[in-house]
Amino acid sequence: MRITILAGSALLCALAGMQASRADVSYTLAWGQGTAAAPAGGTVTVPMYFRETVTGGSASTLVQRQGLSSVGVRLTRDGSTGSTPPRLTVEGMVANTTNFADASDPFFGPLISAAPLGDSAGLMLFARSAGLVGTVISPGVRQILLANVSINVGPSVGSVTPFVTGDLNAGSADTVTWAGSQLLDPLTTGSTLQVLTTSAAAPLGETEPNNVKGQATIIASMAAGDRVTGSSTGSQTTAGPDSIDYYRIAPATLPRAIYRHRLQLVTAGLDGFTTSIRGLAQLNGAAIPGSDVAVQTVGPTSATPHLHQWYNFGDPAPIVLSVAGSPTSTSPYTVIHAVEPVTPLRLGVFADPDNRIVITTAGRGHTSDTKIIIFDATGQPVAGGTSDDPLLTGPDARQARVSVQLPAGLYHVAISDKNLATSSTAAPADFAPSQPVLEFPGSVVNGSAATGLPLGFAVQTNGRQFAFVPTKAEAFDTFWGSITFSTCIADVASDSLDESINPDGVVSSADLDAFIGGFIAGNAEIADVASDSLDAGYNPDGAVGSVDLDAFIAGFIAGC
């Protein structure tokens, strides 16, 4: 047992040796698996390793330097879901005391600490002797078990919480080799564990044969936190253990709103799975019945491994998921469902004498290959409200532009990059008529894993233009906005209790009650309808005043 204190010139020498080391030897504070899951209130236990990866014919530094002398790691909860997120505790950190000193050593026993809220924990270990070089798990890769980490899962069913490994103390010499005291902290990267909270319901199993889409295992009314289990070691379409698995998953019915659904695959073994949301091929604006193509695909090396997502409006609209294994995927897998509501950005209330509105991504200073879809309040695509590449030449060749006449009402706008798929085929004016489509109506799927894309767009109506600058932050994301189109200044509500403009196409007592309530409260969301007492059409000025009352009453009496 020994510990080396690096100071002054010795530290500089160690740093110089570190800088001279080859870039084809790397180190990771690695979780034993990328994802883990347990029912609400349960516990997940995952091993944590120090892993060395050697490429390019280089020699192992661990072998050359007689293994590790010490290693330090900090675990951090990177975000949380719910009021009681998963927690790290001191009791949940069980160190590897076979290779590292145990608690009976007053100087070099494991140093374990955890923050009171369970959002972080630290571990410092000292090797018992020279020669701690780890176990080879694949060519060029060896690892040393540091600890088994137990995480107390929170009560928020369907939540996904990441835990990230990293350097115990930035700038300190925590992780060093036995011989030569080579400093490894700056060369060591972290990894992420996704902890999923499932429901207490028993997992559903696959029903064989399910190796082609037409024989997909049917999962009905899948709620947040529900899960399905299966196994696959290949992608064959003939029955057997190496066959691909298909599932037709219908989410549980929810109140009318926009929802983001996610499916996360987890496995305790080596991850060799490739998963896809499936659809139909499209050729020149016509879907090909019986075809089977991927709309959204992720694999073990994707930026978001095995995390699928799509959107719907609360209906039990099914999607088709495939799970293809490989010779390394010998452990069973579990697919877990998560759901969260999406609050669309309120783009405004608009009116036009011709009932026309234009939404365009052209001329907005970016070249993202965008698609726009307008949905009505029930989640149905609006006729003529879809656009993908309508322009042929110039800098806006890949931009989208919708010009459509809308009756009064609430509408939702979805914007993302290609391919943004529903079950609807391409519009006649589109120059991208052969993108995959979904087989069943009611869902919206973005098939692009690109991130950081600008999705700036403008809304044009009644001679005015309003600009918005959203960004696609994550893989498979879609921007959602809401617009209200009003053709009558007195049609402001569908219900007497409405607190924001929600026209229903008729003028009734509900409009009067809702407007007066908003006017008294000074609520511009429903009572700001005019800029002048003589306005006959919706024309807000950002304030609630007598002009709004005069114009509304005149419109109400006239019935527009």
Protein backbone atom coordinates (compact mmCIF):
# COMPACT_ATOMS: atom_id res chain seq x y z
CA MET A 1 0.00 0.00 0.00
CA ARG A 2 1.29 3.44 -0.88
CA ILE A 3 0.14 6.88 -1.91
CA THR A 4 2.19 9.36 -3.87
CA ILE A 5 1.84 13.08 -3.29
CA LEU A 6 2.51 15.04 -6.46
CA ALA A 7 3.79 18.54 -5.90
CA GLY A 8 5.93 21.17 -7.58
CA SER A 9 8.28 19.83 -10.23
CA ALA A 10 7.05 16.27 -9.70
CA LEU A 11 3.56 17.31 -10.77
CA LEU A 12 4.96 19.11 -13.79
CA CYS A 13 6.86 15.97 -14.79
CA ALA A 14 3.73 13.89 -14.44
CA LEU A 15 1.80 16.36 -16.57
CA ALA A 16 4.56 16.29 -19.19
CA GLY A 17 4.40 12.51 -19.25
CA MET A 18 0.66 12.71 -19.61
CA GLN A 19 0.92 15.08 -22.55
CA ALA A 20 3.51 12.86 -24.20
CA SER A 21 1.29 9.79 -23.87
CA ARG A 22 -0.37 8.59 -27.02
CA ALA A 23 -3.88 9.78 -27.84
CA ASP A 24 -4.78 6.19 -28.79
CA VAL A 25 -4.99 5.18 -25.12
CA SER A 26 -8.10 6.55 -23.43
CA TYR A 27 -9.84 6.11 -20.09
CA THR A 28 -13.48 6.20 -19.03
CA LEU A 29 -15.28 6.21 -15.70
CA ALA A 30 -17.81 3.82 -17.16
CA TRP A 31 -21.16 2.56 -16.00
CA GLY A 32 -21.67 -1.13 -16.60
CA GLN A 33 -24.74 -0.32 -18.70
CA GLY A 34 -26.23 2.75 -20.29
CA THR A 35 -29.71 2.45 -18.82
CA ALA A 36 -31.36 0.88 -15.80
CA ALA A 37 -34.98 0.74 -14.65
CA ALA A 38 -37.03 -0.08 -11.58
CA PRO A 39 -40.62 0.47 -10.42
CA ALA A 40 -41.38 3.67 -8.55
CA GLY A 41 -39.87 3.58 -5.08
CA GLY A 42 -37.51 0.72 -5.97
CA THR A 43 -33.75 0.51 -6.40
CA VAL A 44 -31.41 -0.02 -9.32
CA THR A 45 -27.87 -1.34 -8.81
CA VAL A 46 -25.29 -0.78 -11.54
CA PRO A 47 -21.54 -1.53 -11.50
CA MET A 48 -19.10 1.29 -12.17
CA TYR A 49 -15.67 0.73 -13.73
CA PHE A 50 -12.41 2.42 -14.61
CA ARG A 51 -11.98 1.39 -18.26
CA GLU A 52 -8.91 1.64 -20.47
CA THR A 53 -9.26 1.46 -24.27
CA VAL A 54 -6.17 0.93 -26.44
CA THR A 55 -6.23 1.35 -30.22
CA GLY A 56 -3.72 1.63 -33.02
CA GLY A 57 -1.41 -1.10 -31.73
CA SER A 58 -0.39 0.84 -28.60
CA ALA A 59 0.50 -0.85 -25.34
CA SER A 60 -1.63 -0.70 -22.19
CA THR A 61 -0.52 2.07 -19.84
CA LEU A 62 -2.05 0.19 -16.92
CA VAL A 63 0.11 -2.83 -17.68
CA GLN A 64 3.23 -0.74 -18.26
CA ARG A 65 2.68 1.28 -15.05
CA GLN A 66 1.75 -1.69 -12.81
CA GLY A 67 -1.89 -0.68 -12.63
CA LEU A 68 -3.70 1.96 -10.63
CA SER A 69 -2.50 3.42 -7.36
CA SER A 70 -5.67 5.43 -6.72
CA VAL A 71 -8.84 6.53 -8.48
CA GLY A 72 -11.44 9.18 -7.75
CA VAL A 73 -14.89 9.59 -9.25
CA ARG A 74 -17.85 11.88 -8.71
CA LEU A 75 -21.41 10.90 -9.62
CA THR A 76 -23.84 13.70 -10.41
CA ARG A 77 -27.55 13.67 -11.08
CA ASP A 78 -27.86 15.68 -14.29
CA GLY A 79 -31.40 16.99 -14.05
CA SER A 80 -34.41 15.53 -12.30
CA THR A 81 -38.07 14.77 -12.85
CA GLY A 82 -40.75 15.20 -10.21
CA SER A 83 -40.55 16.53 -6.67
CA THR A 84 -38.69 13.43 -5.42
CA PRO A 85 -36.13 12.40 -8.06
CA PRO A 86 -33.85 9.33 -7.81
CA ARG A 87 -31.18 9.68 -5.10
CA LEU A 88 -27.58 8.68 -4.44
CA THR A 89 -26.70 7.69 -0.86
CA VAL A 90 -23.54 6.73 1.00
CA GLU A 91 -25.10 3.34 1.80
CA GLY A 92 -25.69 2.80 -1.91
CA MET A 93 -21.97 2.97 -2.78
CA VAL A 94 -20.47 -0.48 -2.19
CA ALA A 95 -16.77 -0.23 -3.03
CA ASN A 96 -14.68 -3.04 -4.52
CA THR A 97 -12.66 -3.89 -1.42
CA THR A 98 -11.11 -6.97 -3.02
CA ASN A 99 -8.74 -4.81 -5.05
CA PHE A 100 -8.94 -1.59 -3.04
CA ALA A 101 -8.39 -0.98 0.68
CA ASP A 102 -11.41 -1.58 2.89
CA ALA A 103 -12.82 0.39 5.81
CA SER A 104 -10.52 -1.34 8.30
CA ASP A 105 -7.61 0.67 6.92
CA PRO A 106 -7.72 4.01 8.79
CA PHE A 107 -5.67 5.83 6.16
CA PHE A 108 -6.49 4.27 2.80
CA GLY A 109 -9.98 2.86 3.22
CA PRO A 110 -12.64 3.99 0.74
CA LEU A 111 -13.74 7.61 1.08
CA ILE A 112 -17.44 7.86 0.25
CA SER A 113 -19.60 10.98 0.48
CA ALA A 114 -23.08 11.92 -0.73
CA ALA A 115 -24.89 15.27 -0.90
CA PRO A 116 -27.91 15.62 1.44
CA LEU A 117 -30.37 15.79 -1.48
CA GLY A 118 -28.84 12.77 -3.15
CA ASP A 119 -27.90 14.72 -6.26
CA SER A 120 -24.20 13.78 -6.11
CA ALA A 121 -21.76 11.41 -4.48
CA GLY A 122 -17.98 11.00 -4.40
CA LEU A 123 -15.76 7.93 -4.17
CA MET A 124 -11.97 7.78 -3.57
CA LEU A 125 -10.20 4.40 -3.64
CA PHE A 126 -6.59 3.29 -3.00
CA ALA A 127 -5.18 0.07 -4.45
CA ARG A 128 -4.08 -2.67 -2.04
CA SER A 129 -0.96 -3.44 -4.07
CA ALA A 130 0.74 -3.08 -7.43
CA GLY A 131 -0.62 -4.98 -10.40
CA LEU A 132 -4.22 -3.73 -10.45
CA VAL A 133 -4.47 -3.77 -14.24
CA GLY A 134 -8.05 -4.94 -14.63
CA THR A 135 -9.75 -7.63 -16.67
CA VAL A 136 -9.71 -7.72 -20.47
CA ILE A 137 -13.31 -7.63 -21.72
CA SER A 138 -12.61 -7.27 -25.45
CA PRO A 139 -9.55 -6.70 -27.67
CA GLY A 140 -7.82 -3.54 -26.45
CA VAL A 141 -10.30 -2.92 -23.63
CA ARG A 142 -9.75 -3.72 -19.95
CA GLN A 143 -11.64 -2.53 -16.89
CA ILE A 144 -11.39 -2.42 -13.10
CA LEU A 145 -14.51 -2.63 -10.94
CA LEU A 146 -14.72 0.41 -8.66
CA ALA A 147 -18.08 -0.06 -6.94
CA ASN A 148 -21.61 -1.28 -7.25
CA VAL A 149 -23.85 1.79 -7.07
CA SER A 150 -27.44 1.54 -5.87
CA ILE A 151 -29.77 4.41 -6.74
CA ASN A 152 -33.10 4.92 -4.99
CA VAL A 153 -35.70 5.43 -7.73
CA GLY A 154 -38.22 8.26 -7.27
CA PRO A 155 -42.02 8.05 -7.53
CA SER A 156 -42.45 9.86 -10.89
CA VAL A 157 -43.55 6.99 -13.14
CA GLY A 158 -42.21 7.35 -16.67
CA SER A 159 -39.40 9.73 -15.72
CA VAL A 160 -35.87 9.40 -17.10
CA THR A 161 -33.06 10.78 -14.93
CA PRO A 162 -29.40 10.84 -16.05
CA PHE A 163 -26.48 10.22 -13.68
CA VAL A 164 -23.05 11.29 -14.96
CA THR A 165 -19.59 10.17 -13.84
CA GLY A 166 -16.68 12.60 -13.76
CA ASP A 167 -13.49 13.68 -12.00
CA LEU A 168 -13.79 13.64 -8.21
CA ASN A 169 -12.03 16.97 -7.74
CA ALA A 170 -11.18 19.13 -10.72
CA GLY A 171 -7.49 19.97 -10.84
CA SER A 172 -6.44 17.41 -8.21
CA ALA A 173 -4.38 14.22 -8.62
CA ASP A 174 -7.03 11.60 -7.80
CA THR A 175 -6.44 8.98 -10.47
CA VAL A 176 -2.77 7.97 -10.86
CA THR A 177 -0.79 4.89 -11.83
CA TRP A 178 1.24 2.79 -9.38
CA ALA A 179 4.57 3.09 -11.15
CA GLY A 180 5.71 6.55 -12.12
CA SER A 181 2.58 8.18 -10.64
CA GLN A 182 1.26 9.11 -14.09
CA LEU A 183 -1.66 11.47 -13.71
CA LEU A 184 -4.74 10.13 -15.55
CA ASP A 185 -7.46 12.58 -14.42
CA PRO A 186 -7.17 14.91 -17.46
CA LEU A 187 -7.24 11.91 -19.83
CA THR A 188 -10.33 10.35 -18.27
CA THR A 189 -13.85 11.03 -19.48
CA GLY A 190 -17.20 10.30 -17.87
CA SER A 191 -20.27 8.39 -18.97
CA THR A 192 -24.02 8.64 -18.45
CA LEU A 193 -26.51 6.24 -16.86
CA GLN A 194 -30.18 6.82 -17.63
CA VAL A 195 -32.40 5.74 -14.71
CA LEU A 196 -36.00 5.05 -15.71
CA THR A 197 -38.93 4.84 -13.31
CA THR A 198 -41.46 2.22 -14.35
CA SER A 199 -44.96 1.44 -13.17
CA ALA A 200 -45.58 -1.36 -10.71
CA ALA A 201 -47.53 -3.28 -13.34
CA ALA A 202 -45.92 -6.51 -14.48
CA PRO A 203 -44.00 -6.19 -17.75
CA LEU A 204 -45.68 -7.38 -20.93
CA GLY A 205 -43.95 -10.02 -23.01
CA GLU A 206 -43.56 -10.48 -26.73
CA THR A 207 -45.77 -13.02 -28.46
CA GLU A 208 -44.00 -15.20 -31.00
CA PRO A 209 -43.98 -15.22 -33.92
CA ASN A 210 -43.51 -11.46 -34.26
CA ASN A 211 -40.69 -11.42 -36.79
CA VAL A 212 -42.57 -9.48 -39.50
CA LYS A 213 -44.68 -6.34 -39.23
CA GLY A 214 -47.91 -8.14 -40.02
CA GLN A 215 -47.40 -10.40 -36.98
CA ALA A 216 -46.39 -7.64 -34.57
CA THR A 217 -47.12 -8.23 -30.89
CA ILE A 218 -50.02 -5.92 -30.05
CA ILE A 219 -49.57 -3.77 -26.95
CA ALA A 220 -52.82 -1.95 -26.19
CA SER A 221 -53.31 1.02 -23.87
CA MET A 222 -49.64 1.35 -22.86
CA ALA A 223 -49.46 3.89 -20.02
CA ALA A 224 -46.49 5.88 -18.77
CA GLY A 225 -44.06 3.55 -17.01
CA ASP A 226 -45.42 0.40 -18.63
CA ARG A 227 -42.84 -1.89 -20.18
CA VAL A 228 -42.49 -4.82 -22.54
CA THR A 229 -39.75 -7.43 -22.50
CA GLY A 230 -38.26 -9.62 -25.20
CA SER A 231 -35.07 -11.08 -26.61
CA SER A 232 -33.35 -11.06 -29.98
CA THR A 233 -29.90 -11.95 -31.26
CA GLY A 234 -30.43 -11.02 -34.88
CA SER A 235 -32.54 -9.33 -37.55
CA GLN A 236 -33.85 -12.33 -39.46
CA THR A 237 -37.48 -12.29 -40.60
CA THR A 238 -37.87 -16.03 -40.08
CA ALA A 239 -38.90 -17.35 -36.67
CA GLY A 240 -36.10 -18.13 -34.21
CA PRO A 241 -33.93 -16.57 -31.49
CA ASP A 242 -32.06 -14.48 -34.10
CA SER A 243 -35.24 -12.97 -35.52
CA ILE A 244 -36.26 -9.33 -35.37
CA ASP A 245 -39.14 -8.42 -33.01
CA TYR A 246 -42.08 -6.20 -34.01
CA TYR A 247 -44.54 -4.48 -31.68
CA ARG A 248 -47.66 -2.46 -32.45
CA ILE A 249 -47.92 -0.12 -29.48
CA ALA A 250 -51.02 1.95 -28.78
CA PRO A 251 -50.61 4.49 -25.93
CA ALA A 252 -53.31 4.82 -23.31
CA THR A 253 -55.96 7.45 -24.06
CA LEU A 254 -55.27 10.85 -22.47
CA PRO A 255 -57.19 14.16 -22.32
CA ARG A 256 -56.95 16.19 -25.52
CA ALA A 257 -53.55 17.91 -25.61
CA ILE A 258 -50.15 17.52 -27.27
CA TYR A 259 -48.01 14.75 -25.75
CA ARG A 260 -44.45 13.60 -26.27
CA HIS A 261 -44.10 9.83 -25.99
CA ARG A 262 -40.77 8.10 -25.50
CA LEU A 263 -39.68 4.48 -25.65
CA GLN A 264 -36.37 3.57 -24.01
CA LEU A 265 -34.73 0.17 -24.45
CA VAL A 266 -32.61 -1.10 -21.57
CA THR A 267 -30.58 -4.29 -21.22
CA ALA A 268 -28.27 -5.62 -18.52
CA GLY A 269 -25.88 -7.25 -21.00
CA LEU A 270 -23.85 -6.09 -23.96
CA ASP A 271 -25.91 -3.77 -26.12
CA GLY A 272 -26.10 -4.84 -29.74
CA PHE A 273 -29.67 -3.76 -30.46
CA THR A 274 -30.95 -1.57 -33.26
CA THR A 275 -34.49 -0.21 -32.87
CA SER A 276 -36.80 1.58 -35.31
CA ILE A 277 -40.20 3.17 -35.56
CA ARG A 278 -41.56 1.67 -38.76
CA GLY A 279 -43.80 3.06 -41.51
CA LEU A 280 -44.67 2.77 -45.17
CA ALA A 281 -42.60 3.71 -48.19
CA GLN A 282 -43.97 6.55 -50.31
CA LEU A 283 -43.40 7.03 -54.03
CA ASN A 284 -44.40 10.27 -55.76
CA GLY A 285 -47.01 11.09 -53.13
CA ALA A 286 -48.52 7.61 -52.84
CA ALA A 287 -47.95 5.27 -49.89
CA ILE A 288 -47.01 1.71 -50.84
CA PRO A 289 -49.32 -0.73 -49.01
CA GLY A 290 -47.57 -3.59 -47.27
CA SER A 291 -44.13 -1.95 -47.38
CA ASP A 292 -41.93 -1.75 -44.29
CA VAL A 293 -39.39 1.06 -43.89
CA ALA A 294 -37.75 2.83 -40.97
CA VAL A 295 -39.03 6.28 -40.06
CA GLN A 296 -36.81 6.72 -36.98
CA THR A 297 -33.81 4.52 -36.10
CA VAL A 298 -31.37 4.38 -33.18
CA GLY A 299 -28.63 1.94 -32.28
CA PRO A 300 -26.17 1.29 -29.44
CA THR A 301 -23.76 3.97 -30.70
CA SER A 302 -26.38 6.67 -31.37
CA ALA A 303 -26.15 9.99 -29.51
CA THR A 304 -29.41 8.99 -27.80
CA PRO A 305 -29.10 5.17 -27.70
CA HIS A 306 -32.46 3.43 -28.01
CA LEU A 307 -34.47 6.53 -27.12
CA HIS A 308 -37.38 6.91 -29.52
CA GLN A 309 -39.93 9.66 -29.39
CA TRP A 310 -43.10 10.73 -31.15
CA TYR A 311 -46.07 13.00 -30.53
CA ASN A 312 -49.84 12.61 -30.48
CA PHE A 313 -52.94 14.41 -29.24
CA GLY A 314 -54.07 11.96 -26.55
CA ASP A 315 -55.66 9.37 -28.84
CA PRO A 316 -54.61 5.68 -28.69
CA ALA A 317 -52.92 5.98 -32.09
CA PRO A 318 -50.57 3.01 -32.61
CA ILE A 319 -46.99 3.09 -33.78
CA VAL A 320 -44.90 0.12 -34.89
CA LEU A 321 -41.55 -0.57 -33.19
CA SER A 322 -38.93 -3.08 -34.30
CA VAL A 323 -36.10 -4.44 -32.16
CA ALA A 324 -33.23 -6.17 -33.97
CA GLY A 325 -30.54 -7.87 -31.94
CA SER A 326 -27.02 -9.06 -32.78
CA PRO A 327 -24.76 -11.92 -31.68
CA THR A 328 -23.66 -9.81 -28.67
CA SER A 329 -27.21 -9.03 -27.46
CA THR A 330 -27.67 -12.26 -25.52
CA SER A 331 -29.45 -10.67 -22.53
CA PRO A 332 -33.18 -9.87 -22.65
CA TYR A 333 -34.26 -6.29 -23.28
CA THR A 334 -36.97 -4.12 -21.74
CA VAL A 335 -38.71 -1.26 -23.57
CA ILE A 336 -40.18 1.36 -21.23
CA HIS A 337 -42.81 3.98 -22.12
CA ALA A 338 -42.64 7.58 -20.88
CA VAL A 339 -45.14 10.38 -21.55
CA GLU A 340 -45.15 14.10 -20.91
CA PRO A 341 -47.45 16.91 -22.05
CA VAL A 342 -46.09 19.52 -24.44
CA THR A 343 -47.05 23.16 -23.95
CA PRO A 344 -47.04 24.80 -27.39
CA LEU A 345 -45.69 28.30 -27.78
CA ARG A 346 -48.61 30.69 -28.21
CA LEU A 347 -47.89 32.41 -31.50
CA GLY A 348 -50.83 34.80 -31.27
CA VAL A 349 -54.36 35.48 -32.43
CA PHE A 350 -54.64 36.35 -36.12
CA ALA A 351 -57.31 37.60 -38.46
CA ASP A 352 -57.46 38.24 -42.19
CA PRO A 353 -60.29 39.46 -44.45
CA ASP A 354 -59.62 36.47 -46.72
CA ASN A 355 -59.25 34.02 -43.80
CA ARG A 356 -55.73 33.33 -45.07
CA ILE A 357 -52.57 32.75 -43.09
CA VAL A 358 -49.03 32.07 -44.30
CA ILE A 359 -46.37 30.27 -42.26
CA THR A 360 -42.93 30.06 -43.82
CA THR A 361 -39.34 29.17 -42.93
CA ALA A 362 -38.05 30.83 -46.11
CA GLY A 363 -35.96 33.97 -45.77
CA ARG A 364 -35.31 33.45 -42.08
CA GLY A 365 -31.51 33.33 -42.27
CA HIS A 366 -30.99 29.57 -42.07
CA THR A 367 -30.76 26.62 -44.45
CA SER A 368 -32.36 23.91 -42.31
CA ASP A 369 -34.33 21.45 -44.43
CA THR A 370 -37.68 22.15 -42.79
CA LYS A 371 -41.23 20.84 -42.90
CA ILE A 372 -44.41 22.50 -41.58
CA ILE A 373 -47.67 20.77 -40.62
CA ILE A 374 -50.77 22.58 -39.33
CA PHE A 375 -53.25 20.59 -37.22
CA ASP A 376 -56.72 21.58 -36.07
CA ALA A 377 -57.71 21.53 -32.39
CA THR A 378 -58.55 17.80 -32.56
CA GLY A 379 -55.15 16.86 -33.95
CA GLN A 380 -56.19 16.34 -37.57
CA PRO A 381 -53.87 17.70 -40.28
CA VAL A 382 -55.46 20.69 -42.03
CA ALA A 383 -56.09 20.26 -45.75
CA GLY A 384 -53.40 22.22 -47.57
CA GLY A 385 -51.58 22.85 -44.30
CA THR A 386 -48.47 20.74 -44.97
CA SER A 387 -45.33 21.88 -46.78
CA ASP A 388 -41.95 20.25 -47.42
CA ASP A 389 -39.61 21.72 -50.04
CA PRO A 390 -42.12 23.64 -52.21
CA LEU A 391 -39.38 25.88 -53.63
CA LEU A 392 -36.97 24.67 -56.29
CA THR A 393 -34.07 27.12 -56.50
CA GLY A 394 -32.12 29.69 -54.52
CA PRO A 395 -31.10 29.80 -50.87
CA ASP A 396 -34.60 28.81 -49.73
CA ALA A 397 -34.78 25.66 -51.86
CA ARG A 398 -35.17 23.45 -48.78
CA GLN A 399 -37.56 25.69 -46.89
CA ALA A 400 -41.27 25.18 -46.25
CA ARG A 401 -44.19 27.52 -46.89
CA VAL A 402 -47.85 26.98 -46.05
CA SER A 403 -50.55 29.31 -47.35
CA VAL A 404 -53.99 28.22 -46.25
CA GLN A 405 -57.46 29.60 -45.51
CA LEU A 406 -58.66 28.75 -42.02
CA PRO A 407 -62.06 29.03 -40.37
CA ALA A 408 -62.08 30.53 -36.89
CA GLY A 409 -60.58 28.30 -34.26
CA LEU A 410 -57.47 26.97 -32.54
CA TYR A 411 -54.66 25.37 -34.55
CA HIS A 412 -51.34 23.72 -33.74
CA VAL A 413 -48.20 24.18 -35.83
CA ALA A 414 -45.47 21.52 -35.96
CA ILE A 415 -42.08 22.44 -37.46
CA SER A 416 -38.94 20.34 -37.67
CA ASP A 417 -36.38 19.12 -40.15
CA LYS A 418 -36.90 16.30 -42.62
CA ASN A 419 -38.46 13.82 -42.27
CA LEU A 420 -41.47 14.96 -40.21
CA ALA A 421 -43.92 12.13 -40.77
CA THR A 422 -47.61 11.53 -40.26
CA SER A 423 -49.82 9.05 -42.10
CA SER A 424 -50.57 11.76 -44.70
CA THR A 425 -48.79 11.58 -48.03
CA ALA A 426 -46.91 14.46 -49.65
CA ALA A 427 -48.76 17.58 -50.78
CA PRO A 428 -49.01 18.02 -54.58
CA ALA A 429 -46.75 21.09 -54.53
CA ASP A 430 -43.94 19.38 -52.61
CA PHE A 431 -40.70 18.37 -54.26
CA ALA A 432 -39.99 15.68 -51.67
CA PRO A 433 -42.82 13.25 -52.47
CA SER A 434 -41.05 10.01 -51.51
CA GLN A 435 -40.35 10.31 -47.79
CA PRO A 436 -41.62 7.50 -45.49
CA VAL A 437 -45.03 7.93 -43.87
CA LEU A 438 -46.63 6.34 -40.81
CA GLU A 439 -48.97 3.42 -41.26
CA PHE A 440 -51.56 4.59 -38.72
CA PRO A 441 -53.03 8.09 -38.31
CA GLY A 442 -52.81 10.19 -35.16
CA SER A 443 -49.05 10.34 -34.52
CA VAL A 444 -46.22 12.68 -35.56
CA VAL A 445 -42.64 11.36 -35.86
CA ASN A 446 -39.46 13.25 -36.70
CA GLY A 447 -36.87 10.90 -38.16
CA SER A 448 -33.80 13.13 -37.89
CA ALA A 449 -31.25 12.78 -35.09
CA ALA A 450 -29.74 16.19 -35.96
CA THR A 451 -29.49 18.69 -33.07
CA GLY A 452 -28.93 22.43 -32.73
CA LEU A 453 -30.79 23.25 -35.95
CA PRO A 454 -32.39 26.69 -36.36
CA LEU A 455 -36.09 26.45 -37.20
CA GLY A 456 -36.85 30.18 -37.55
CA PHE A 457 -40.15 30.99 -39.24
CA ALA A 458 -42.63 33.80 -39.80
CA VAL A 459 -46.41 34.06 -39.59
CA GLN A 460 -47.89 36.40 -42.20
CA THR A 461 -51.50 37.56 -42.24
CA ASN A 462 -53.53 40.71 -42.86
CA GLY A 463 -50.45 42.55 -44.13
CA ARG A 464 -48.41 41.90 -41.02
CA GLN A 465 -45.52 39.55 -40.25
CA PHE A 466 -44.50 38.00 -36.93
CA ALA A 467 -41.10 36.28 -36.61
CA PHE A 468 -40.11 33.40 -34.31
CA VAL A 469 -36.70 31.76 -33.83
CA PRO A 470 -36.97 28.29 -32.23
CA THR A 471 -34.16 25.74 -32.32
CA LYS A 472 -34.30 21.98 -32.53
CA ALA A 473 -32.31 21.12 -29.41
CA GLU A 474 -32.47 17.32 -29.28
CA ALA A 475 -32.66 14.37 -31.65
CA PHE A 476 -36.18 13.71 -33.02
CA ASP A 477 -37.55 16.94 -31.51
CA THR A 478 -40.38 18.92 -33.06
CA PHE A 479 -41.27 22.55 -32.35
CA TRP A 480 -44.94 23.09 -31.45
CA GLY A 481 -46.79 26.39 -31.58
CA SER A 482 -50.45 27.33 -31.36
CA ILE A 483 -52.34 29.96 -33.31
CA THR A 484 -55.89 31.20 -32.95
CA PHE A 485 -57.59 32.41 -36.10
CA SER A 486 -60.51 34.78 -35.56
CA THR A 487 -62.63 36.32 -38.30
CA CYS A 488 -65.09 38.08 -35.97
CA ILE A 489 -64.16 40.57 -33.27
CA ALA A 490 -66.92 39.29 -30.97
CA ASP A 491 -66.16 35.57 -31.40
CA VAL A 492 -63.64 35.26 -28.60
CA ALA A 493 -64.67 32.12 -26.70
CA SER A 494 -66.09 28.62 -26.84
CA ASP A 495 -66.92 28.60 -23.14
CA SER A 496 -67.93 31.30 -20.66
CA LEU A 497 -64.87 30.44 -18.54
CA ASP A 498 -62.31 30.84 -21.34
CA GLU A 499 -59.44 33.10 -20.28
CA SER A 500 -57.71 33.30 -23.65
CA ILE A 501 -59.15 33.75 -27.11
CA ASN A 502 -60.74 30.51 -28.28
CA PRO A 503 -63.26 31.22 -31.06
CA ASP A 504 -65.78 28.60 -32.14
CA GLY A 505 -67.19 30.30 -35.23
CA VAL A 506 -70.39 31.65 -33.64
CA VAL A 507 -71.29 34.64 -31.46
CA SER A 508 -73.11 33.65 -28.27
CA SER A 509 -73.49 34.39 -24.58
CA ALA A 510 -70.27 32.46 -23.95
CA ASP A 511 -68.39 35.20 -25.84
CA LEU A 512 -70.08 37.96 -23.83
CA ASP A 513 -69.44 36.28 -20.47
CA ALA A 514 -65.81 35.46 -21.26
CA PHE A 515 -65.06 38.94 -22.68
CA ILE A 516 -66.65 40.83 -19.77
CA GLY A 517 -64.79 38.63 -17.27
CA GLY A 518 -61.52 39.32 -19.06
CA PHE A 519 -62.26 43.03 -19.45
CA ILE A 520 -62.91 43.46 -15.73
CA ALA A 521 -59.75 41.53 -14.89
CA GLY A 522 -57.69 43.46 -17.45
CA ASN A 523 -56.82 40.15 -19.15
CA ALA A 524 -55.40 41.03 -22.58
CA GLU A 525 -55.37 37.33 -23.53
CA ILE A 526 -59.09 37.56 -24.24
CA ALA A 527 -60.20 41.20 -23.87
CA ASP A 528 -57.63 42.94 -26.09
CA VAL A 529 -59.51 42.80 -29.39
CA ALA A 530 -59.21 46.29 -30.91
CA SER A 531 -57.01 49.30 -31.48
CA ASP A 532 -59.94 51.56 -32.33
CA SER A 533 -63.57 51.67 -31.24
CA LEU A 534 -64.63 51.32 -34.88
CA ASP A 535 -62.62 48.15 -35.53
CA ALA A 536 -64.87 45.49 -37.05
CA GLY A 537 -62.18 42.80 -37.16
CA TYR A 538 -59.74 41.50 -34.62
CA ASN A 539 -56.97 44.11 -34.24
CA PRO A 540 -55.32 44.03 -30.77
CA ASP A 541 -52.98 46.77 -29.57
CA GLY A 542 -51.52 45.10 -26.48
CA ALA A 543 -53.74 46.82 -23.91
CA VAL A 544 -57.26 46.48 -22.53
CA GLY A 545 -59.30 49.69 -22.67
CA SER A 546 -62.56 51.33 -23.66
CA VAL A 547 -61.84 50.82 -27.37
CA ASP A 548 -61.95 47.06 -26.82
CA LEU A 549 -65.28 47.30 -25.01
CA ASP A 550 -66.84 49.56 -27.67
CA ALA A 551 -65.65 47.43 -30.58
CA PHE A 552 -66.66 44.16 -28.94
CA ILE A 553 -70.17 45.35 -28.03
CA ALA A 554 -70.75 46.66 -31.56
CA GLY A 555 -69.58 43.35 -33.03
CA PHE A 556 -71.65 41.34 -30.55
CA ILE A 557 -74.85 43.27 -31.36
CA ALA A 558 -74.18 42.94 -35.08
CA GLY A 559 -73.35 39.23 -34.71
CA CYS A 560 -70.37 39.97 -36.97
